[in-house]
Amino acid sequence: MTVRTDVSDRVLPEQEERASAAVYTEGLLAGVGGAVTVAAWFLLLDTIAGHPFYTPSLLGTALVRHGTEIAAPETLPVNMEMVVNFTWMHLLAFMVIGLAASKLLEQAERDPNLGFGILLLFVVFEFGFIAVFSNVASEVLEVISWPSILVGNLLAAAVMGFVFWRRHPRLVIRP
């Protein structure tokens, strides 16, 4: 006579904690990777243009000082305090995005139909970001072109996608 138990079907609290920690670790890793990619992209562009750290200085000034010092953005000197301030804000924003994406992918592994919705959310978020940015910070876009922002964001998305793909190689997305 065979007795069936549900012991193997239960998730132990330790396993659940490890799985949860892995999701958070994955999100933070992806977020940091995305932030570093965008920072490196704009450092490269700024260095080629002859003024390293100009972009984070300009964006930091626009965010921290609410644009009060950006009457002529092309003449704004590089301020390392603004570079550090913006870099921290940028890193934190990407870490939050990475955590959210990681949690969404965890759900998509359970229900493959969610994957396509997550992909559409990414596309809407990307173009929504550019639309809002162009309306809110138009003086900044006089200096930093939207194509360079789009390329930077797509590079970051590729790096973040690679991190997620490495950890979810069997993820299925269904429309």
Protein backbone atom coordinates (compact mmCIF):
# COMPACT_ATOMS: atom_id res chain seq x y z
CA MET A 1 0.00 0.00 0.00
CA THR A 2 1.34 3.42 -0.99
CA VAL A 3 0.76 6.48 1.15
CA ARG A 4 0.82 9.85 -0.60
CA THR A 5 2.23 12.81 1.26
CA ASP A 6 2.44 16.42 0.19
CA VAL A 7 5.82 16.96 1.81
CA SER A 8 7.67 17.35 -1.50
CA ASP A 9 5.08 19.87 -2.75
CA ARG A 10 5.52 22.22 0.18
CA VAL A 11 7.93 25.11 0.06
CA LEU A 12 9.94 25.40 3.22
CA PRO A 13 10.31 28.88 4.71
CA GLU A 14 14.08 28.79 4.15
CA GLN A 15 13.59 27.99 0.45
CA GLU A 16 11.03 30.77 0.14
CA GLU A 17 13.41 33.25 1.78
CA ARG A 18 16.26 32.21 -0.53
CA ALA A 19 14.03 32.54 -3.60
CA SER A 20 12.87 35.97 -2.46
CA ALA A 21 16.45 37.08 -1.77
CA ALA A 22 17.48 35.85 -5.24
CA VAL A 23 14.74 37.97 -6.86
CA TYR A 24 15.91 41.07 -4.98
CA THR A 25 19.58 40.35 -5.72
CA GLU A 26 18.79 39.87 -9.40
CA GLY A 27 16.84 43.15 -9.53
CA LEU A 28 19.59 45.12 -7.81
CA LEU A 29 22.26 43.59 -10.05
CA ALA A 30 20.26 44.41 -13.18
CA GLY A 31 19.57 47.94 -11.94
CA VAL A 32 23.21 48.64 -11.16
CA GLY A 33 24.20 47.21 -14.55
CA GLY A 34 21.70 49.48 -16.32
CA ALA A 35 22.80 52.56 -14.39
CA VAL A 36 26.50 51.91 -15.03
CA THR A 37 25.78 51.36 -18.74
CA VAL A 38 23.97 54.69 -19.12
CA ALA A 39 26.65 56.49 -17.10
CA ALA A 40 29.42 54.97 -19.23
CA TRP A 41 27.54 55.87 -22.45
CA PHE A 42 27.22 59.53 -21.49
CA LEU A 43 30.77 59.67 -20.13
CA LEU A 44 31.93 58.42 -23.54
CA LEU A 45 29.82 61.00 -25.39
CA ASP A 46 30.92 63.81 -23.05
CA THR A 47 34.58 62.82 -23.34
CA ILE A 48 34.38 62.76 -27.14
CA ALA A 49 32.79 66.23 -27.02
CA GLY A 50 35.65 67.44 -24.81
CA HIS A 51 33.80 67.94 -21.51
CA PRO A 52 33.69 64.80 -19.36
CA PHE A 53 30.91 64.57 -16.74
CA TYR A 54 28.96 67.39 -18.37
CA THR A 55 25.73 65.38 -18.76
CA PRO A 56 25.39 64.26 -15.12
CA SER A 57 26.36 67.77 -14.00
CA LEU A 58 23.65 69.31 -16.20
CA LEU A 59 21.02 66.77 -15.16
CA GLY A 60 21.99 67.05 -11.50
CA THR A 61 21.65 70.82 -11.67
CA ALA A 62 18.27 70.51 -13.38
CA LEU A 63 16.98 68.06 -10.75
CA VAL A 64 18.56 69.34 -7.54
CA ARG A 65 18.20 73.04 -8.24
CA HIS A 66 14.99 72.67 -10.27
CA GLY A 67 16.55 74.24 -13.34
CA THR A 68 17.15 77.64 -11.73
CA GLU A 69 20.77 77.76 -12.92
CA ILE A 70 20.14 76.59 -16.47
CA ALA A 71 19.55 79.84 -18.32
CA ALA A 72 22.26 78.84 -20.83
CA PRO A 73 22.80 75.07 -20.45
CA GLU A 74 25.56 74.91 -23.04
CA THR A 75 27.75 77.22 -20.88
CA LEU A 76 27.09 75.47 -17.55
CA PRO A 77 30.42 74.40 -15.99
CA VAL A 78 30.87 70.87 -14.69
CA ASN A 79 30.04 70.76 -10.98
CA MET A 80 31.28 67.55 -9.33
CA GLU A 81 28.79 67.95 -6.47
CA MET A 82 25.97 67.82 -9.02
CA VAL A 83 27.64 64.85 -10.73
CA VAL A 84 27.68 62.90 -7.46
CA ASN A 85 24.11 63.94 -6.56
CA PHE A 86 22.75 62.95 -9.94
CA THR A 87 24.73 59.70 -10.02
CA TRP A 88 23.20 58.60 -6.71
CA MET A 89 19.67 59.51 -7.83
CA HIS A 90 20.24 57.78 -11.16
CA LEU A 91 21.60 54.64 -9.48
CA LEU A 92 18.69 54.48 -7.04
CA ALA A 93 16.13 54.96 -9.83
CA PHE A 94 17.67 52.12 -11.85
CA MET A 95 17.78 49.88 -8.79
CA VAL A 96 14.05 50.46 -8.23
CA ILE A 97 13.37 49.72 -11.91
CA GLY A 98 15.51 46.57 -11.67
CA LEU A 99 13.64 45.39 -8.57
CA ALA A 100 10.27 46.00 -10.23
CA ALA A 101 11.36 44.19 -13.40
CA SER A 102 12.67 41.26 -11.37
CA LYS A 103 9.38 40.91 -9.50
CA LEU A 104 7.45 41.12 -12.78
CA LEU A 105 9.64 38.43 -14.33
CA GLU A 106 9.06 36.23 -11.30
CA GLN A 107 5.33 36.53 -12.01
CA ALA A 108 5.86 35.92 -15.75
CA GLU A 109 7.61 32.64 -14.97
CA ARG A 110 4.43 31.49 -13.26
CA ASP A 111 2.12 32.82 -16.00
CA PRO A 112 3.74 33.11 -19.49
CA ASN A 113 0.84 35.26 -20.70
CA LEU A 114 2.10 38.13 -18.52
CA GLY A 115 5.41 38.31 -20.42
CA PHE A 116 4.01 40.08 -23.45
CA GLY A 117 2.29 42.63 -21.21
CA ILE A 118 5.61 43.27 -19.47
CA LEU A 119 7.26 43.80 -22.85
CA LEU A 120 4.56 46.29 -23.87
CA LEU A 121 4.91 48.04 -20.51
CA PHE A 122 8.65 48.46 -21.21
CA VAL A 123 7.98 50.01 -24.65
CA VAL A 124 5.34 52.38 -23.27
CA PHE A 125 7.61 53.28 -20.33
CA GLU A 126 10.57 54.01 -22.62
CA PHE A 127 8.70 56.30 -24.98
CA GLY A 128 6.67 57.80 -22.15
CA PHE A 129 9.93 58.68 -20.41
CA ILE A 130 11.19 60.49 -23.51
CA ALA A 131 7.87 62.30 -24.00
CA VAL A 132 7.71 63.49 -20.38
CA PHE A 133 11.41 64.38 -20.37
CA SER A 134 11.01 66.45 -23.55
CA ASN A 135 8.11 68.40 -22.04
CA VAL A 136 9.53 68.89 -18.54
CA ALA A 137 13.20 69.52 -19.38
CA SER A 138 13.16 71.02 -22.85
CA GLU A 139 16.15 73.28 -22.06
CA VAL A 140 18.20 70.17 -21.23
CA LEU A 141 17.20 68.57 -24.54
CA GLU A 142 18.72 71.57 -26.32
CA VAL A 143 22.09 70.21 -25.20
CA ILE A 144 21.50 66.46 -24.77
CA SER A 145 19.79 65.03 -27.82
CA TRP A 146 16.89 62.63 -27.40
CA PRO A 147 18.53 60.04 -29.72
CA SER A 148 21.52 59.82 -27.37
CA ILE A 149 19.11 59.36 -24.44
CA LEU A 150 17.22 56.69 -26.37
CA VAL A 151 20.44 54.85 -27.28
CA GLY A 152 21.64 55.03 -23.66
CA ASN A 153 18.34 53.66 -22.38
CA LEU A 154 18.31 50.89 -24.99
CA LEU A 155 21.87 49.91 -24.05
CA ALA A 156 20.83 49.81 -20.40
CA ALA A 157 17.78 47.72 -21.30
CA ALA A 158 20.04 45.30 -23.20
CA VAL A 159 22.36 44.92 -20.19
CA MET A 160 19.44 44.49 -17.81
CA GLY A 161 17.82 42.06 -20.23
CA PHE A 162 21.05 40.05 -20.36
CA VAL A 163 21.15 39.81 -16.55
CA PHE A 164 17.54 38.63 -16.49
CA TRP A 165 18.03 36.25 -19.42
CA ARG A 166 21.03 34.63 -17.72
CA ARG A 167 18.92 33.96 -14.64
CA HIS A 168 15.74 32.99 -16.53
CA PRO A 169 16.94 31.11 -19.65
CA ARG A 170 13.70 29.16 -19.99
CA LEU A 171 11.36 32.12 -19.61
CA VAL A 172 8.51 31.88 -22.12
CA ILE A 173 6.60 34.94 -23.32
CA ARG A 174 3.24 34.37 -24.97
CA PRO A 175 1.06 37.05 -26.57
